[in-house]
């Protein structure tokens, strides 16, 4: 037996949306008639069964789709967590390298100071033992001046970029020199690497073989 329902009532009857009812009418899986200017859906037991099966299949497809989205989302979250961990590790390594380089530079200055103090002490003692008081004072003063000049001559490490600019090389030559330093950076103790930057210590090493 057939019964007639409005589109709204048919949607409620089948448990689907009004748009779904219109789609079924267009596809021919549901029959409809127009009465008094209103579209009425022809409902039968067979139509109910077909619609229920179709709805069940749609729900199953939707469940699979949502499950796939959940799995992809979980995978992306795991990748984000991994990348965050890698970024944190790289940041910690960079900070450690900076600390080590700073300690190395501080130790260089400390060693230089100790050497100068030892030289000053030795010379002062010799002059105090062998020279008149006036000469002793003049000699000690001269050694102090020499020590100050030598201390002032100690220059801290400078970046490769700044070093090349101060040397006034052409752009083409600077690019070639940079490539040489990058190639030797990991196995040449004269080259200080901090992150992606290269530093030189001209006061301690000679780089003429790479320039």
Protein backbone atom coordinates (compact mmCIF):
# COMPACT_ATOMS: atom_id res chain seq x y z
CA UNK A 1 0.00 0.00 0.00
CA UNK A 2 1.32 3.43 -0.97
CA UNK A 3 1.08 6.51 1.21
CA UNK A 4 1.89 10.12 0.48
CA UNK A 5 4.12 12.27 2.64
CA UNK A 6 5.48 15.78 2.21
CA UNK A 7 9.23 16.10 1.63
CA UNK A 8 9.72 17.17 5.26
CA UNK A 9 7.69 14.26 6.61
CA UNK A 10 9.41 11.81 4.25
CA UNK A 11 12.80 12.99 5.44
CA UNK A 12 11.73 12.44 9.04
CA UNK A 13 10.21 9.05 8.15
CA UNK A 14 13.44 7.77 6.57
CA UNK A 15 15.75 9.59 9.02
CA UNK A 16 17.58 11.50 6.31
CA UNK A 17 17.77 15.12 5.12
CA UNK A 18 15.35 16.89 2.77
CA UNK A 19 18.18 17.21 0.22
CA UNK A 20 18.61 13.44 0.31
CA UNK A 21 14.87 13.00 -0.43
CA UNK A 22 15.13 15.36 -3.42
CA UNK A 23 18.21 13.46 -4.66
CA UNK A 24 16.34 10.14 -4.48
CA UNK A 25 13.42 11.64 -6.38
CA UNK A 26 15.78 12.86 -9.12
CA UNK A 27 17.46 9.44 -9.32
CA UNK A 28 14.08 7.71 -9.50
CA UNK A 29 14.47 5.66 -6.33
CA UNK A 30 11.50 7.51 -4.86
CA UNK A 31 8.29 8.44 -6.64
CA UNK A 32 6.60 11.78 -6.20
CA UNK A 33 3.49 13.63 -7.27
CA UNK A 34 2.39 17.24 -7.04
CA UNK A 35 -0.87 17.91 -5.25
CA UNK A 36 -2.20 21.42 -4.75
CA UNK A 37 1.21 22.84 -5.69
CA UNK A 38 3.06 20.71 -3.11
CA UNK A 39 5.38 17.85 -3.92
CA UNK A 40 4.32 14.66 -2.20
CA UNK A 41 6.53 11.60 -1.87
CA UNK A 42 5.06 8.19 -2.55
CA UNK A 43 6.07 5.84 0.24
CA UNK A 44 5.93 2.06 0.11
CA UNK A 45 7.37 -0.71 2.26
CA UNK A 46 9.85 -1.54 -0.50
CA UNK A 47 10.97 2.11 -0.67
CA UNK A 48 11.47 2.08 3.10
CA UNK A 49 13.67 -1.03 2.85
CA UNK A 50 15.76 0.36 -0.02
CA UNK A 51 16.22 3.70 1.68
CA UNK A 52 17.20 2.02 4.95
CA UNK A 53 19.83 -0.07 3.14
CA UNK A 54 21.12 2.98 1.29
CA UNK A 55 21.29 4.94 4.55
CA UNK A 56 23.12 2.05 6.20
CA UNK A 57 25.67 1.93 3.36
CA UNK A 58 26.15 5.70 3.54
CA UNK A 59 26.68 5.51 7.30
CA UNK A 60 29.24 2.71 6.84
CA UNK A 61 31.10 4.77 4.21
CA UNK A 62 31.01 7.80 6.51
CA UNK A 63 32.38 5.72 9.40
CA UNK A 64 35.26 4.49 7.23
CA UNK A 65 35.98 8.04 6.07
CA UNK A 66 36.05 9.38 9.62
CA UNK A 67 38.25 6.50 10.71
CA UNK A 68 40.68 7.26 7.87
CA UNK A 69 40.76 10.93 8.87
CA UNK A 70 41.46 9.98 12.50
CA UNK A 71 44.37 7.72 11.45
CA UNK A 72 45.83 10.45 9.22
CA UNK A 73 45.45 13.00 12.00
CA UNK A 74 47.19 10.66 14.46
CA UNK A 75 50.02 10.11 11.97
CA UNK A 76 50.44 13.86 11.46
CA UNK A 77 50.50 14.47 15.21
CA UNK A 78 53.25 11.85 15.61
CA UNK A 79 55.28 13.53 12.84
CA UNK A 80 54.82 16.95 14.46
CA UNK A 81 55.95 15.57 17.81
CA UNK A 82 59.01 13.98 16.18
CA UNK A 83 59.94 17.21 14.37
CA UNK A 84 59.49 19.23 17.57
CA UNK A 85 61.84 16.83 19.34
CA UNK A 86 64.42 17.11 16.54
CA UNK A 87 64.17 20.92 16.61
CA UNK A 88 64.63 20.95 20.39
CA UNK A 89 67.68 18.67 20.10
CA UNK A 90 69.27 20.84 17.40
CA UNK A 91 68.64 23.97 19.46
CA UNK A 92 70.29 22.39 22.51
CA UNK A 93 73.28 21.26 20.42
CA UNK A 94 73.68 24.77 18.99
CA UNK A 95 73.56 26.34 22.46
CA UNK A 96 76.13 23.80 23.71
CA UNK A 97 78.44 24.59 20.80
CA UNK A 98 78.17 28.32 21.50
CA UNK A 99 79.00 27.76 25.17
CA UNK A 100 81.99 25.56 24.27
CA UNK A 101 83.33 28.10 21.77
CA UNK A 102 82.96 30.90 24.30
CA UNK A 103 84.79 28.88 26.95
CA UNK A 104 87.52 28.10 24.41
CA UNK A 105 87.98 31.80 23.61
CA UNK A 106 87.99 32.72 27.30
CA UNK A 107 90.63 30.05 27.95
CA UNK A 108 92.81 31.46 25.15
CA UNK A 109 92.77 34.89 26.77
CA UNK A 110 93.38 33.40 30.19
CA UNK A 111 96.42 31.45 28.93
CA UNK A 112 97.80 34.57 27.25
CA UNK A 113 97.39 36.55 30.47
CA UNK A 114 99.16 33.86 32.49
CA UNK A 115 102.07 33.78 30.04
CA UNK A 116 102.45 37.55 30.15
CA UNK A 117 102.31 37.59 33.94
CA UNK A 118 104.99 34.90 34.14
CA UNK A 119 107.26 36.80 31.77
CA UNK A 120 106.74 40.01 33.73
CA UNK A 121 107.45 38.30 37.05
CA UNK A 122 110.65 36.63 35.79
CA UNK A 123 112.04 39.80 34.24
CA UNK A 124 111.12 41.87 37.27
CA UNK A 125 112.95 39.47 39.58
CA UNK A 126 116.07 39.54 37.41
CA UNK A 127 116.16 43.31 37.29
CA UNK A 128 115.50 43.59 41.02
CA UNK A 129 118.48 41.34 41.75
CA UNK A 130 120.99 42.75 39.27
CA UNK A 131 120.13 46.41 38.62
CA UNK A 132 120.08 49.66 40.64
CA UNK A 133 116.74 50.78 42.00
CA UNK A 134 116.21 53.48 39.38
CA UNK A 135 116.96 51.11 36.50
CA UNK A 136 114.75 48.46 38.08
CA UNK A 137 111.78 50.81 38.10
CA UNK A 138 112.35 51.86 34.49
CA UNK A 139 112.73 48.26 33.34
CA UNK A 140 109.60 47.08 35.12
CA UNK A 141 107.69 49.96 33.59
CA UNK A 142 108.96 49.05 30.12
CA UNK A 143 107.92 45.42 30.57
CA UNK A 144 104.47 46.53 31.71
CA UNK A 145 104.09 48.68 28.60
CA UNK A 146 105.23 45.78 26.41
CA UNK A 147 102.73 43.46 28.09
CA UNK A 148 99.88 45.95 27.56
CA UNK A 149 100.80 46.35 23.88
CA UNK A 150 100.94 42.59 23.38
CA UNK A 151 97.57 42.15 25.16
CA UNK A 152 96.02 44.81 22.98
CA UNK A 153 97.35 43.05 19.90
CA UNK A 154 95.35 39.90 20.71
CA UNK A 155 92.31 39.91 18.50
CA UNK A 156 89.22 37.77 19.06
CA UNK A 157 88.01 35.36 16.36
CA UNK A 158 86.34 37.11 13.42
CA UNK A 159 83.68 35.79 11.05
CA UNK A 160 84.85 34.61 7.63
CA UNK A 161 82.46 37.06 5.97
CA UNK A 162 83.88 40.04 7.87
CA UNK A 163 87.44 38.87 7.32
CA UNK A 164 86.95 38.62 3.54
CA UNK A 165 85.25 42.03 3.35
CA UNK A 166 88.13 43.67 5.19
CA UNK A 167 90.54 42.09 2.69
CA UNK A 168 88.67 43.74 -0.21
CA UNK A 169 88.46 40.66 -2.41
CA UNK A 170 86.17 40.60 -5.44
CA UNK A 171 82.76 38.93 -5.03
CA UNK A 172 83.82 36.06 -7.29
CA UNK A 173 87.01 35.41 -5.32
CA UNK A 174 85.16 35.62 -1.99
CA UNK A 175 82.71 32.93 -3.13
CA UNK A 176 85.58 30.61 -4.07
CA UNK A 177 87.29 31.20 -0.71
CA UNK A 178 84.04 30.53 1.19
CA UNK A 179 83.65 27.20 -0.60
CA UNK A 180 87.22 26.19 0.39
CA UNK A 181 86.59 27.01 4.05
CA UNK A 182 83.23 25.18 4.13
CA UNK A 183 84.88 22.11 2.60
CA UNK A 184 87.64 22.10 5.24
CA UNK A 185 85.54 23.31 8.19
CA UNK A 186 84.99 19.94 9.88
CA UNK A 187 88.57 18.66 9.66
CA UNK A 188 90.69 21.81 10.08
CA UNK A 189 91.28 22.85 13.70
CA UNK A 190 92.06 26.41 12.56
CA UNK A 191 88.44 26.89 11.51
CA UNK A 192 85.82 27.58 14.20
CA UNK A 193 82.26 26.63 13.25
CA UNK A 194 79.27 27.93 15.22
CA UNK A 195 75.97 26.84 13.71
CA UNK A 196 76.21 27.67 10.00
CA UNK A 197 78.78 30.44 10.50
CA UNK A 198 82.56 30.14 10.17
CA UNK A 199 85.00 32.08 12.35
CA UNK A 200 88.77 32.59 12.00
CA UNK A 201 91.50 33.44 14.51
CA UNK A 202 94.11 35.33 12.41
CA UNK A 203 96.14 36.19 15.53
CA UNK A 204 96.80 32.50 16.14
CA UNK A 205 96.66 30.80 12.72
CA UNK A 206 97.77 31.40 9.15
CA UNK A 207 95.11 30.85 6.45
CA UNK A 208 97.17 31.73 3.37
CA UNK A 209 96.76 28.20 1.99
CA UNK A 210 92.99 28.70 1.82
CA UNK A 211 92.88 32.32 0.65
